[in-house]
Amino acid sequence: MNQAITVIITFAQKNKVYNIEIDPLTKVQELINEFHEMLHPAGNEKIQLKYQGTQLRPNQTFEEQGVRKGTQIELLVETQGGL
């Protein structure tokens, strides 16, 4: 088993920063699901995680996408559809 790594999640829309320990073999979607439970976005809002300006692919692990200990990841809640 890999050692857990600490990543820094910045949620600029709410001026919050989260330090989170994750297993690098965790799929990105698993962390998105945890934030979904915590933030309760509206039905037309989608949670995205971005690393170095690129959206992380939900079906891949953090390790597969180059996320390492101390990495800063942006959390965005975006409204889909609408005007």
PDB file of N, CA and C in Angstrom:
ATOM      1  N   MET A   1       0.842  -1.195   0.000  1.00  0.00           N
ATOM      2  CA  MET A   1       0.000   0.000   0.000  1.00  0.00           C
ATOM      3  C   MET A   1       0.879   1.248   0.000  1.00  0.00           C
ATOM      4  N   ASN A   2       0.497   2.197  -0.789  1.00  0.00           N
ATOM      5  CA  ASN A   2       1.225   3.463  -0.842  1.00  0.00           C
ATOM      6  C   ASN A   2       0.967   4.267   0.419  1.00  0.00           C
ATOM      7  N   GLN A   3       1.915   5.130   0.720  1.00  0.00           N
ATOM      8  CA  GLN A   3       1.747   6.034   1.850  1.00  0.00           C
ATOM      9  C   GLN A   3       0.796   7.156   1.455  1.00  0.00           C
ATOM     10  N   ALA A   4       0.003   7.592   2.424  1.00  0.00           N
ATOM     11  CA  ALA A   4      -0.891   8.716   2.182  1.00  0.00           C
ATOM     12  C   ALA A   4      -0.060   9.967   1.922  1.00  0.00           C
ATOM     13  N   ILE A   5      -0.572  10.817   1.060  1.00  0.00           N
ATOM     14  CA  ILE A   5       0.073  12.103   0.793  1.00  0.00           C
ATOM     15  C   ILE A   5      -0.887  13.214   1.201  1.00  0.00           C
ATOM     16  N   THR A   6      -0.326  14.347   1.588  1.00  0.00           N
ATOM     17  CA  THR A   6      -1.145  15.504   1.919  1.00  0.00           C
ATOM     18  C   THR A   6      -1.177  16.427   0.717  1.00  0.00           C
ATOM     19  N   VAL A   7      -2.387  16.789   0.301  1.00  0.00           N
ATOM     20  CA  VAL A   7      -2.546  17.757  -0.783  1.00  0.00           C
ATOM     21  C   VAL A   7      -3.313  18.954  -0.236  1.00  0.00           C
ATOM     22  N   ILE A   8      -3.138  20.079  -0.878  1.00  0.00           N
ATOM     23  CA  ILE A   8      -3.779  21.323  -0.459  1.00  0.00           C
ATOM     24  C   ILE A   8      -4.873  21.631  -1.470  1.00  0.00           C
ATOM     25  N   ILE A   9      -6.112  21.681  -0.995  1.00  0.00           N
ATOM     26  CA  ILE A   9      -7.249  21.977  -1.859  1.00  0.00           C
ATOM     27  C   ILE A   9      -7.659  23.420  -1.593  1.00  0.00           C
ATOM     28  N   THR A  10      -7.611  24.270  -2.606  1.00  0.00           N
ATOM     29  CA  THR A  10      -8.025  25.665  -2.444  1.00  0.00           C
ATOM     30  C   THR A  10      -9.391  25.850  -3.090  1.00  0.00           C
ATOM     31  N   PHE A  11     -10.308  26.424  -2.336  1.00  0.00           N
ATOM     32  CA  PHE A  11     -11.674  26.674  -2.795  1.00  0.00           C
ATOM     33  C   PHE A  11     -11.869  28.185  -2.764  1.00  0.00           C
ATOM     34  N   ALA A  12     -11.358  28.851  -3.804  1.00  0.00           N
ATOM     35  CA  ALA A  12     -11.319  30.314  -3.843  1.00  0.00           C
ATOM     36  C   ALA A  12     -12.715  30.933  -3.779  1.00  0.00           C
ATOM     37  N   GLN A  13     -13.711  30.259  -4.341  1.00  0.00           N
ATOM     38  CA  GLN A  13     -15.067  30.809  -4.354  1.00  0.00           C
ATOM     39  C   GLN A  13     -15.604  31.030  -2.941  1.00  0.00           C
ATOM     40  N   LYS A  14     -15.101  30.264  -1.974  1.00  0.00           N
ATOM     41  CA  LYS A  14     -15.539  30.403  -0.579  1.00  0.00           C
ATOM     42  C   LYS A  14     -14.391  30.816   0.336  1.00  0.00           C
ATOM     43  N   ASN A  15     -13.241  31.177  -0.241  1.00  0.00           N
ATOM     44  CA  ASN A  15     -12.055  31.553   0.535  1.00  0.00           C
ATOM     45  C   ASN A  15     -11.687  30.496   1.574  1.00  0.00           C
ATOM     46  N   LYS A  16     -11.656  29.241   1.147  1.00  0.00           N
ATOM     47  CA  LYS A  16     -11.305  28.147   2.057  1.00  0.00           C
ATOM     48  C   LYS A  16     -10.127  27.372   1.499  1.00  0.00           C
ATOM     49  N   VAL A  17      -9.354  26.803   2.426  1.00  0.00           N
ATOM     50  CA  VAL A  17      -8.233  25.937   2.066  1.00  0.00           C
ATOM     51  C   VAL A  17      -8.356  24.676   2.913  1.00  0.00           C
ATOM     52  N   TYR A  18      -8.244  23.535   2.266  1.00  0.00           N
ATOM     53  CA  TYR A  18      -8.318  22.248   2.960  1.00  0.00           C
ATOM     54  C   TYR A  18      -6.998  21.516   2.774  1.00  0.00           C
ATOM     55  N   ASN A  19      -6.432  21.006   3.853  1.00  0.00           N
ATOM     56  CA  ASN A  19      -5.283  20.097   3.775  1.00  0.00           C
ATOM     57  C   ASN A  19      -5.850  18.696   3.941  1.00  0.00           C
ATOM     58  N   ILE A  20      -5.682  17.867   2.931  1.00  0.00           N
ATOM     59  CA  ILE A  20      -6.315  16.552   2.921  1.00  0.00           C
ATOM     60  C   ILE A  20      -5.277  15.473   2.699  1.00  0.00           C
ATOM     61  N   GLU A  21      -5.373  14.422   3.501  1.00  0.00           N
ATOM     62  CA  GLU A  21      -4.518  13.251   3.303  1.00  0.00           C
ATOM     63  C   GLU A  21      -5.264  12.249   2.446  1.00  0.00           C
ATOM     64  N   ILE A  22      -4.632  11.828   1.353  1.00  0.00           N
ATOM     65  CA  ILE A  22      -5.248  10.840   0.470  1.00  0.00           C
ATOM     66  C   ILE A  22      -4.215   9.792   0.082  1.00  0.00           C
ATOM     67  N   ASP A  23      -4.710   8.642  -0.280  1.00  0.00           N
ATOM     68  CA  ASP A  23      -3.864   7.615  -0.879  1.00  0.00           C
ATOM     69  C   ASP A  23      -3.698   8.027  -2.343  1.00  0.00           C
ATOM     70  N   PRO A  24      -2.469   8.077  -2.858  1.00  0.00           N
ATOM     71  CA  PRO A  24      -2.277   8.502  -4.251  1.00  0.00           C
ATOM     72  C   PRO A  24      -2.988   7.598  -5.260  1.00  0.00           C
ATOM     73  N   LEU A  25      -3.375   6.391  -4.836  1.00  0.00           N
ATOM     74  CA  LEU A  25      -4.084   5.477  -5.735  1.00  0.00           C
ATOM     75  C   LEU A  25      -5.599   5.694  -5.718  1.00  0.00           C
ATOM     76  N   THR A  26      -6.036   6.719  -4.987  1.00  0.00           N
ATOM     77  CA  THR A  26      -7.449   7.083  -4.961  1.00  0.00           C
ATOM     78  C   THR A  26      -7.836   7.682  -6.307  1.00  0.00           C
ATOM     79  N   LYS A  27      -9.001   7.289  -6.813  1.00  0.00           N
ATOM     80  CA  LYS A  27      -9.502   7.923  -8.036  1.00  0.00           C
ATOM     81  C   LYS A  27     -10.019   9.313  -7.680  1.00  0.00           C
ATOM     82  N   VAL A  28      -9.814  10.261  -8.585  1.00  0.00           N
ATOM     83  CA  VAL A  28     -10.222  11.648  -8.369  1.00  0.00           C
ATOM     84  C   VAL A  28     -11.717  11.722  -8.045  1.00  0.00           C
ATOM     85  N   GLN A  29     -12.521  10.895  -8.704  1.00  0.00           N
ATOM     86  CA  GLN A  29     -13.972  10.922  -8.480  1.00  0.00           C
ATOM     87  C   GLN A  29     -14.332  10.654  -7.018  1.00  0.00           C
ATOM     88  N   GLU A  30     -13.541   9.833  -6.328  1.00  0.00           N
ATOM     89  CA  GLU A  30     -13.825   9.533  -4.920  1.00  0.00           C
ATOM     90  C   GLU A  30     -13.726  10.794  -4.065  1.00  0.00           C
ATOM     91  N   LEU A  31     -12.720  11.624  -4.327  1.00  0.00           N
ATOM     92  CA  LEU A  31     -12.581  12.869  -3.571  1.00  0.00           C
ATOM     93  C   LEU A  31     -13.675  13.862  -3.968  1.00  0.00           C
ATOM     94  N   ILE A  32     -14.011  13.908  -5.253  1.00  0.00           N
ATOM     95  CA  ILE A  32     -15.114  14.772  -5.702  1.00  0.00           C
ATOM     96  C   ILE A  32     -16.397  14.372  -4.970  1.00  0.00           C
ATOM     97  N   ASN A  33     -16.640  13.070  -4.831  1.00  0.00           N
ATOM     98  CA  ASN A  33     -17.839  12.596  -4.125  1.00  0.00           C
ATOM     99  C   ASN A  33     -17.851  13.064  -2.674  1.00  0.00           C
ATOM    100  N   GLU A  34     -16.683  13.037  -2.019  1.00  0.00           N
ATOM    101  CA  GLU A  34     -16.606  13.499  -0.629  1.00  0.00           C
ATOM    102  C   GLU A  34     -16.927  14.986  -0.530  1.00  0.00           C
ATOM    103  N   PHE A  35     -16.394  15.779  -1.455  1.00  0.00           N
ATOM    104  CA  PHE A  35     -16.699  17.213  -1.438  1.00  0.00           C
ATOM    105  C   PHE A  35     -18.168  17.451  -1.769  1.00  0.00           C
ATOM    106  N   HIS A  36     -18.743  16.615  -2.619  1.00  0.00           N
ATOM    107  CA  HIS A  36     -20.157  16.746  -2.968  1.00  0.00           C
ATOM    108  C   HIS A  36     -21.012  16.597  -1.709  1.00  0.00           C
ATOM    109  N   GLU A  37     -20.685  15.605  -0.879  1.00  0.00           N
ATOM    110  CA  GLU A  37     -21.417  15.388   0.376  1.00  0.00           C
ATOM    111  C   GLU A  37     -21.229  16.554   1.340  1.00  0.00           C
ATOM    112  N   MET A  38     -20.041  17.135   1.339  1.00  0.00           N
ATOM    113  CA  MET A  38     -19.722  18.206   2.277  1.00  0.00           C
ATOM    114  C   MET A  38     -20.309  19.553   1.835  1.00  0.00           C
ATOM    115  N   LEU A  39     -20.282  19.827   0.536  1.00  0.00           N
ATOM    116  CA  LEU A  39     -20.661  21.153   0.032  1.00  0.00           C
ATOM    117  C   LEU A  39     -22.108  21.235  -0.441  1.00  0.00           C
ATOM    118  N   HIS A  40     -22.727  20.100  -0.707  1.00  0.00           N
ATOM    119  CA  HIS A  40     -24.113  20.048  -1.187  1.00  0.00           C
ATOM    120  C   HIS A  40     -24.378  21.033  -2.329  1.00  0.00           C
ATOM    121  N   PRO A  41     -23.671  20.901  -3.457  1.00  0.00           N
ATOM    122  CA  PRO A  41     -23.929  21.822  -4.566  1.00  0.00           C
ATOM    123  C   PRO A  41     -25.342  21.623  -5.111  1.00  0.00           C
ATOM    124  N   ALA A  42     -25.873  22.665  -5.732  1.00  0.00           N
ATOM    125  CA  ALA A  42     -27.202  22.583  -6.346  1.00  0.00           C
ATOM    126  C   ALA A  42     -27.168  21.558  -7.480  1.00  0.00           C
ATOM    127  N   GLY A  43     -28.336  21.119  -7.893  1.00  0.00           N
ATOM    128  CA  GLY A  43     -28.437  20.086  -8.918  1.00  0.00           C
ATOM    129  C   GLY A  43     -27.749  20.427 -10.224  1.00  0.00           C
ATOM    130  N   ASN A  44     -27.672  21.720 -10.549  1.00  0.00           N
ATOM    131  CA  ASN A  44     -27.048  22.126 -11.815  1.00  0.00           C
ATOM    132  C   ASN A  44     -25.595  22.556 -11.627  1.00  0.00           C
ATOM    133  N   GLU A  45     -25.021  22.270 -10.465  1.00  0.00           N
ATOM    134  CA  GLU A  45     -23.626  22.625 -10.207  1.00  0.00           C
ATOM    135  C   GLU A  45     -22.755  21.373 -10.216  1.00  0.00           C
ATOM    136  N   LYS A  46     -21.551  21.527 -10.724  1.00  0.00           N
ATOM    137  CA  LYS A  46     -20.621  20.404 -10.847  1.00  0.00           C
ATOM    138  C   LYS A  46     -19.317  20.771 -10.148  1.00  0.00           C
ATOM    139  N   ILE A  47     -18.770  19.826  -9.385  1.00  0.00           N
ATOM    140  CA  ILE A  47     -17.493  20.035  -8.705  1.00  0.00           C
ATOM    141  C   ILE A  47     -16.371  19.555  -9.620  1.00  0.00           C
ATOM    142  N   GLN A  48     -15.361  20.401  -9.775  1.00  0.00           N
ATOM    143  CA  GLN A  48     -14.182  20.045 -10.568  1.00  0.00           C
ATOM    144  C   GLN A  48     -12.940  20.254  -9.720  1.00  0.00           C
ATOM    145  N   LEU A  49     -11.932  19.436  -9.963  1.00  0.00           N
ATOM    146  CA  LEU A  49     -10.626  19.620  -9.336  1.00  0.00           C
ATOM    147  C   LEU A  49      -9.625  19.895 -10.441  1.00  0.00           C
ATOM    148  N   LYS A  50      -8.829  20.956 -10.263  1.00  0.00           N
ATOM    149  CA  LYS A  50      -7.830  21.318 -11.268  1.00  0.00           C
ATOM    150  C   LYS A  50      -6.443  21.337 -10.648  1.00  0.00           C
ATOM    151  N   TYR A  51      -5.485  20.849 -11.409  1.00  0.00           N
ATOM    152  CA  TYR A  51      -4.081  20.818 -10.996  1.00  0.00           C
ATOM    153  C   TYR A  51      -3.279  21.483 -12.095  1.00  0.00           C
ATOM    154  N   GLN A  52      -2.552  22.538 -11.742  1.00  0.00           N
ATOM    155  CA  GLN A  52      -1.757  23.317 -12.697  1.00  0.00           C
ATOM    156  C   GLN A  52      -2.617  23.763 -13.876  1.00  0.00           C
ATOM    157  N   GLY A  53      -3.855  24.180 -13.585  1.00  0.00           N
ATOM    158  CA  GLY A  53      -4.743  24.718 -14.607  1.00  0.00           C
ATOM    159  C   GLY A  53      -5.456  23.684 -15.461  1.00  0.00           C
ATOM    160  N   THR A  54      -5.181  22.400 -15.237  1.00  0.00           N
ATOM    161  CA  THR A  54      -5.804  21.342 -16.028  1.00  0.00           C
ATOM    162  C   THR A  54      -6.774  20.563 -15.152  1.00  0.00           C
ATOM    163  N   GLN A  55      -7.963  20.316 -15.674  1.00  0.00           N
ATOM    164  CA  GLN A  55      -8.948  19.550 -14.919  1.00  0.00           C
ATOM    165  C   GLN A  55      -8.458  18.120 -14.735  1.00  0.00           C
ATOM    166  N   LEU A  56      -8.509  17.650 -13.489  1.00  0.00           N
ATOM    167  CA  LEU A  56      -8.126  16.264 -13.212  1.00  0.00           C
ATOM    168  C   LEU A  56      -9.214  15.329 -13.734  1.00  0.00           C
ATOM    169  N   ARG A  57      -8.790  14.241 -14.350  1.00  0.00           N
ATOM    170  CA  ARG A  57      -9.732  13.274 -14.905  1.00  0.00           C
ATOM    171  C   ARG A  57     -10.296  12.414 -13.776  1.00  0.00           C
ATOM    172  N   PRO A  58     -11.627  12.415 -13.596  1.00  0.00           N
ATOM    173  CA  PRO A  58     -12.249  11.717 -12.466  1.00  0.00           C
ATOM    174  C   PRO A  58     -11.987  10.218 -12.426  1.00  0.00           C
ATOM    175  N   ASN A  59     -11.805   9.584 -13.582  1.00  0.00           N
ATOM    176  CA  ASN A  59     -11.669   8.124 -13.621  1.00  0.00           C
ATOM    177  C   ASN A  59     -10.227   7.654 -13.482  1.00  0.00           C
ATOM    178  N   GLN A  60      -9.303   8.592 -13.224  1.00  0.00           N
ATOM    179  CA  GLN A  60      -7.904   8.222 -13.016  1.00  0.00           C
ATOM    180  C   GLN A  60      -7.504   8.545 -11.579  1.00  0.00           C
ATOM    181  N   THR A  61      -6.404   7.930 -11.138  1.00  0.00           N
ATOM    182  CA  THR A  61      -5.927   8.182  -9.778  1.00  0.00           C
ATOM    183  C   THR A  61      -5.120   9.484  -9.745  1.00  0.00           C
ATOM    184  N   PHE A  62      -4.897   9.960  -8.529  1.00  0.00           N
ATOM    185  CA  PHE A  62      -4.066  11.154  -8.368  1.00  0.00           C
ATOM    186  C   PHE A  62      -2.646  10.865  -8.838  1.00  0.00           C
ATOM    187  N   GLU A  63      -2.134   9.687  -8.508  1.00  0.00           N
ATOM    188  CA  GLU A  63      -0.777   9.311  -8.905  1.00  0.00           C
ATOM    189  C   GLU A  63      -0.625   9.294 -10.427  1.00  0.00           C
ATOM    190  N   GLU A  64      -1.614   8.752 -11.121  1.00  0.00           N
ATOM    191  CA  GLU A  64      -1.556   8.680 -12.590  1.00  0.00           C
ATOM    192  C   GLU A  64      -1.481  10.066 -13.227  1.00  0.00           C
ATOM    193  N   GLN A  65      -1.958  11.072 -12.503  1.00  0.00           N
ATOM    194  CA  GLN A  65      -1.993  12.427 -13.054  1.00  0.00           C
ATOM    195  C   GLN A  65      -0.899  13.323 -12.476  1.00  0.00           C
ATOM    196  N   GLY A  66       0.072  12.706 -11.814  1.00  0.00           N
ATOM    197  CA  GLY A  66       1.245  13.447 -11.358  1.00  0.00           C
ATOM    198  C   GLY A  66       1.076  14.213 -10.065  1.00  0.00           C
ATOM    199  N   VAL A  67      -0.002  13.958  -9.334  1.00  0.00           N
ATOM    200  CA  VAL A  67      -0.221  14.654  -8.065  1.00  0.00           C
ATOM    201  C   VAL A  67       0.684  14.032  -7.002  1.00  0.00           C
ATOM    202  N   ARG A  68       1.463  14.873  -6.352  1.00  0.00           N
ATOM    203  CA  ARG A  68       2.424  14.432  -5.336  1.00  0.00           C
ATOM    204  C   ARG A  68       2.141  15.132  -4.004  1.00  0.00           C
ATOM    205  N   LYS A  69       2.875  14.734  -2.986  1.00  0.00           N
ATOM    206  CA  LYS A  69       2.750  15.347  -1.659  1.00  0.00           C
ATOM    207  C   LYS A  69       2.948  16.858  -1.759  1.00  0.00           C
ATOM    208  N   GLY A  70       2.068  17.610  -1.109  1.00  0.00           N
ATOM    209  CA  GLY A  70       2.183  19.063  -1.088  1.00  0.00           C
ATOM    210  C   GLY A  70       1.612  19.762  -2.304  1.00  0.00           C
ATOM    211  N   THR A  71       1.063  18.995  -3.238  1.00  0.00           N
ATOM    212  CA  THR A  71       0.473  19.572  -4.445  1.00  0.00           C
ATOM    213  C   THR A  71      -0.719  20.449  -4.078  1.00  0.00           C
ATOM    214  N   GLN A  72      -0.853  21.567  -4.782  1.00  0.00           N
ATOM    215  CA  GLN A  72      -2.016  22.429  -4.592  1.00  0.00           C
ATOM    216  C   GLN A  72      -3.009  22.164  -5.715  1.00  0.00           C
ATOM    217  N   ILE A  73      -4.245  21.896  -5.333  1.00  0.00           N
ATOM    218  CA  ILE A  73      -5.312  21.577  -6.280  1.00  0.00           C
ATOM    219  C   ILE A  73      -6.428  22.589  -6.081  1.00  0.00           C
ATOM    220  N   GLU A  74      -6.965  23.097  -7.188  1.00  0.00           N
ATOM    221  CA  GLU A  74      -8.085  24.037  -7.124  1.00  0.00           C
ATOM    222  C   GLU A  74      -9.394  23.273  -7.133  1.00  0.00           C
ATOM    223  N   LEU A  75     -10.312  23.670  -6.261  1.00  0.00           N
ATOM    224  CA  LEU A  75     -11.660  23.117  -6.265  1.00  0.00           C
ATOM    225  C   LEU A  75     -12.584  24.176  -6.838  1.00  0.00           C
ATOM    226  N   LEU A  76     -13.342  23.812  -7.842  1.00  0.00           N
ATOM    227  CA  LEU A  76     -14.276  24.743  -8.469  1.00  0.00           C
ATOM    228  C   LEU A  76     -15.669  24.143  -8.461  1.00  0.00           C
ATOM    229  N   VAL A  77     -16.661  24.978  -8.170  1.00  0.00           N
ATOM    230  CA  VAL A  77     -18.053  24.569  -8.316  1.00  0.00           C
ATOM    231  C   VAL A  77     -18.606  25.408  -9.453  1.00  0.00           C
ATOM    232  N   GLU A  78     -18.935  24.739 -10.558  1.00  0.00           N
ATOM    233  CA  GLU A  78     -19.397  25.448 -11.749  1.00  0.00           C
ATOM    234  C   GLU A  78     -20.845  25.086 -12.040  1.00  0.00           C
ATOM    235  N   THR A  79     -21.605  26.091 -12.463  1.00  0.00           N
ATOM    236  CA  THR A  79     -22.990  25.871 -12.850  1.00  0.00           C
ATOM    237  C   THR A  79     -23.022  25.376 -14.281  1.00  0.00           C
ATOM    238  N   GLN A  80     -23.777  24.321 -14.517  1.00  0.00           N
ATOM    239  CA  GLN A  80     -23.906  23.789 -15.868  1.00  0.00           C
ATOM    240  C   GLN A  80     -25.210  24.286 -16.469  1.00  0.00           C
ATOM    241  N   GLY A  81     -25.183  24.542 -17.779  1.00  0.00           N
ATOM    242  CA  GLY A  81     -26.394  24.992 -18.460  1.00  0.00           C
ATOM    243  C   GLY A  81     -26.766  26.396 -18.031  1.00  0.00           C
ATOM    244  N   GLY A  82     -28.037  26.730 -18.109  1.00  0.00           N
ATOM    245  CA  GLY A  82     -28.480  28.061 -17.703  1.00  0.00           C
ATOM    246  C   GLY A  82     -28.247  29.082 -18.794  1.00  0.00           C
ATOM    247  N   LEU A  83     -28.215  30.348 -18.382  1.00  0.00           N
ATOM    248  CA  LEU A  83     -28.085  31.447 -19.350  1.00  0.00           C
ATOM    249  C   LEU A  83     -26.649  31.713 -19.701  1.00  0.00           C
TER     250      LEU A  83
END
